[in-house]
Amino acid sequence: MSVVVLDGLGDHTASSFELTLTKSATRTPISGLGERAYYEVSDGNHGIIRILTNKAIVMLEARGGRKEGLQDALVNAAKKVLSRM
């Protein structure tokens, strides 16, 4: 699993968040994480959550393992990351 936090973007945070979204990906909105959050899965076992907060963009990505439970695992990890910001 990898975690990337992009901060210090100021007024450009929201527009930069839009640039991180893959145009062809199928996204599932996730409530309760930041201002906006999306889950994407590809190749069956490659998942990523992209989160927009009021001051940063947070991305969590996991590869390998099983598809079952991947979204829940990433959401739980995202909650831990956000609680430390």
C-alpha atoms as a PDB file:
ATOM      1  CA  MET A   1       0.000   0.000   0.000  1.00  0.00           C
ATOM      2  CA  SER A   2       1.198   3.495  -0.732  1.00  0.00           C
ATOM      3  CA  VAL A   3      -0.012   6.821   0.628  1.00  0.00           C
ATOM      4  CA  VAL A   4       0.556  10.190  -1.040  1.00  0.00           C
ATOM      5  CA  VAL A   5      -0.401  13.512   0.531  1.00  0.00           C
ATOM      6  CA  LEU A   6      -0.237  16.625  -1.624  1.00  0.00           C
ATOM      7  CA  ASP A   7      -0.475  19.730   0.523  1.00  0.00           C
ATOM      8  CA  GLY A   8       0.541  23.346   0.211  1.00  0.00           C
ATOM      9  CA  LEU A   9      -1.607  23.804  -2.915  1.00  0.00           C
ATOM     10  CA  GLY A  10      -3.668  26.605  -1.369  1.00  0.00           C
ATOM     11  CA  ASP A  11      -6.459  27.847  -3.631  1.00  0.00           C
ATOM     12  CA  HIS A  12      -5.454  25.278  -6.273  1.00  0.00           C
ATOM     13  CA  THR A  13      -6.251  22.220  -4.164  1.00  0.00           C
ATOM     14  CA  ALA A  14      -9.687  21.530  -5.682  1.00  0.00           C
ATOM     15  CA  SER A  15      -8.578  22.088  -9.297  1.00  0.00           C
ATOM     16  CA  SER A  16      -5.497  19.938  -8.729  1.00  0.00           C
ATOM     17  CA  PHE A  17      -7.733  17.189  -7.313  1.00  0.00           C
ATOM     18  CA  GLU A  18      -9.662  17.130 -10.594  1.00  0.00           C
ATOM     19  CA  LEU A  19      -6.382  16.616 -12.453  1.00  0.00           C
ATOM     20  CA  THR A  20      -5.593  13.485 -10.415  1.00  0.00           C
ATOM     21  CA  LEU A  21      -8.809  11.783 -11.511  1.00  0.00           C
ATOM     22  CA  THR A  22      -8.382   9.315 -14.346  1.00  0.00           C
ATOM     23  CA  LYS A  23     -10.822  10.248 -17.100  1.00  0.00           C
ATOM     24  CA  SER A  24     -11.580   6.681 -18.195  1.00  0.00           C
ATOM     25  CA  ALA A  25     -11.835   5.145 -14.730  1.00  0.00           C
ATOM     26  CA  THR A  26     -15.072   4.041 -13.135  1.00  0.00           C
ATOM     27  CA  ARG A  27     -15.321   5.835  -9.815  1.00  0.00           C
ATOM     28  CA  THR A  28     -17.463   5.063  -6.807  1.00  0.00           C
ATOM     29  CA  PRO A  29     -18.115   8.076  -4.542  1.00  0.00           C
ATOM     30  CA  ILE A  30     -17.328   7.509  -0.866  1.00  0.00           C
ATOM     31  CA  SER A  31     -19.021   9.588   1.797  1.00  0.00           C
ATOM     32  CA  GLY A  32     -17.458  10.521   5.112  1.00  0.00           C
ATOM     33  CA  LEU A  33     -13.936  11.098   3.802  1.00  0.00           C
ATOM     34  CA  GLY A  34     -13.011  14.730   3.237  1.00  0.00           C
ATOM     35  CA  GLU A  35     -14.977  17.046   0.956  1.00  0.00           C
ATOM     36  CA  ARG A  36     -15.006  14.515  -1.887  1.00  0.00           C
ATOM     37  CA  ALA A  37     -13.635  10.996  -2.171  1.00  0.00           C
ATOM     38  CA  TYR A  38     -13.660   8.355  -4.885  1.00  0.00           C
ATOM     39  CA  TYR A  39     -12.717   4.704  -5.049  1.00  0.00           C
ATOM     40  CA  GLU A  40     -11.427   3.196  -8.283  1.00  0.00           C
ATOM     41  CA  VAL A  41     -10.516  -0.415  -8.994  1.00  0.00           C
ATOM     42  CA  SER A  42      -8.799  -1.886 -12.016  1.00  0.00           C
ATOM     43  CA  ASP A  43      -7.208  -5.185 -12.952  1.00  0.00           C
ATOM     44  CA  GLY A  44      -9.335  -6.850 -10.275  1.00  0.00           C
ATOM     45  CA  ASN A  45      -6.904  -6.200  -7.441  1.00  0.00           C
ATOM     46  CA  HIS A  46      -5.569  -2.672  -7.909  1.00  0.00           C
ATOM     47  CA  GLY A  47      -7.535  -0.129  -5.889  1.00  0.00           C
ATOM     48  CA  ILE A  48      -7.072   3.558  -5.195  1.00  0.00           C
ATOM     49  CA  ILE A  49      -8.909   6.098  -3.087  1.00  0.00           C
ATOM     50  CA  ARG A  50      -8.538   9.785  -3.922  1.00  0.00           C
ATOM     51  CA  ILE A  51      -9.647  12.257  -1.244  1.00  0.00           C
ATOM     52  CA  LEU A  52     -10.040  16.019  -1.384  1.00  0.00           C
ATOM     53  CA  THR A  53      -9.809  17.778   1.982  1.00  0.00           C
ATOM     54  CA  ASN A  54      -9.939  21.504   2.614  1.00  0.00           C
ATOM     55  CA  LYS A  55      -6.131  21.679   2.617  1.00  0.00           C
ATOM     56  CA  ALA A  56      -4.752  18.636   0.788  1.00  0.00           C
ATOM     57  CA  ILE A  57      -5.212  15.786  -1.653  1.00  0.00           C
ATOM     58  CA  VAL A  58      -4.745  12.321  -0.171  1.00  0.00           C
ATOM     59  CA  MET A  59      -4.319   9.207  -2.312  1.00  0.00           C
ATOM     60  CA  LEU A  60      -4.091   5.648  -1.027  1.00  0.00           C
ATOM     61  CA  GLU A  61      -3.286   2.832  -3.415  1.00  0.00           C
ATOM     62  CA  ALA A  62      -3.078  -0.934  -2.984  1.00  0.00           C
ATOM     63  CA  ARG A  63      -1.997  -3.596  -5.478  1.00  0.00           C
ATOM     64  CA  GLY A  64      -2.197  -7.333  -5.212  1.00  0.00           C
ATOM     65  CA  GLY A  65      -4.153  -9.436  -2.818  1.00  0.00           C
ATOM     66  CA  ARG A  66      -7.850 -10.084  -3.250  1.00  0.00           C
ATOM     67  CA  LYS A  67     -10.475  -7.767  -4.681  1.00  0.00           C
ATOM     68  CA  GLU A  68     -12.889  -8.721  -1.915  1.00  0.00           C
ATOM     69  CA  GLY A  69     -12.456  -6.327   0.981  1.00  0.00           C
ATOM     70  CA  LEU A  70     -10.045  -4.061  -0.886  1.00  0.00           C
ATOM     71  CA  GLN A  71     -12.309  -1.000  -0.759  1.00  0.00           C
ATOM     72  CA  ASP A  72     -13.036  -1.492   2.954  1.00  0.00           C
ATOM     73  CA  ALA A  73      -9.322  -1.879   3.717  1.00  0.00           C
ATOM     74  CA  LEU A  74      -8.491   1.322   1.830  1.00  0.00           C
ATOM     75  CA  VAL A  75     -11.324   3.252   3.521  1.00  0.00           C
ATOM     76  CA  ASN A  76     -10.117   2.129   6.958  1.00  0.00           C
ATOM     77  CA  ALA A  77      -6.550   3.134   6.122  1.00  0.00           C
ATOM     78  CA  ALA A  78      -7.779   6.493   4.776  1.00  0.00           C
ATOM     79  CA  LYS A  79      -9.610   7.201   8.022  1.00  0.00           C
ATOM     80  CA  LYS A  80      -6.397   6.613   9.963  1.00  0.00           C
ATOM     81  CA  VAL A  81      -4.402   8.891   7.649  1.00  0.00           C
ATOM     82  CA  LEU A  82      -7.001  11.658   7.826  1.00  0.00           C
ATOM     83  CA  SER A  83      -7.154  11.459  11.633  1.00  0.00           C
ATOM     84  CA  ARG A  84      -3.441  12.321  11.739  1.00  0.00           C
ATOM     85  CA  MET A  85      -3.691  15.381   9.531  1.00  0.00           C
END
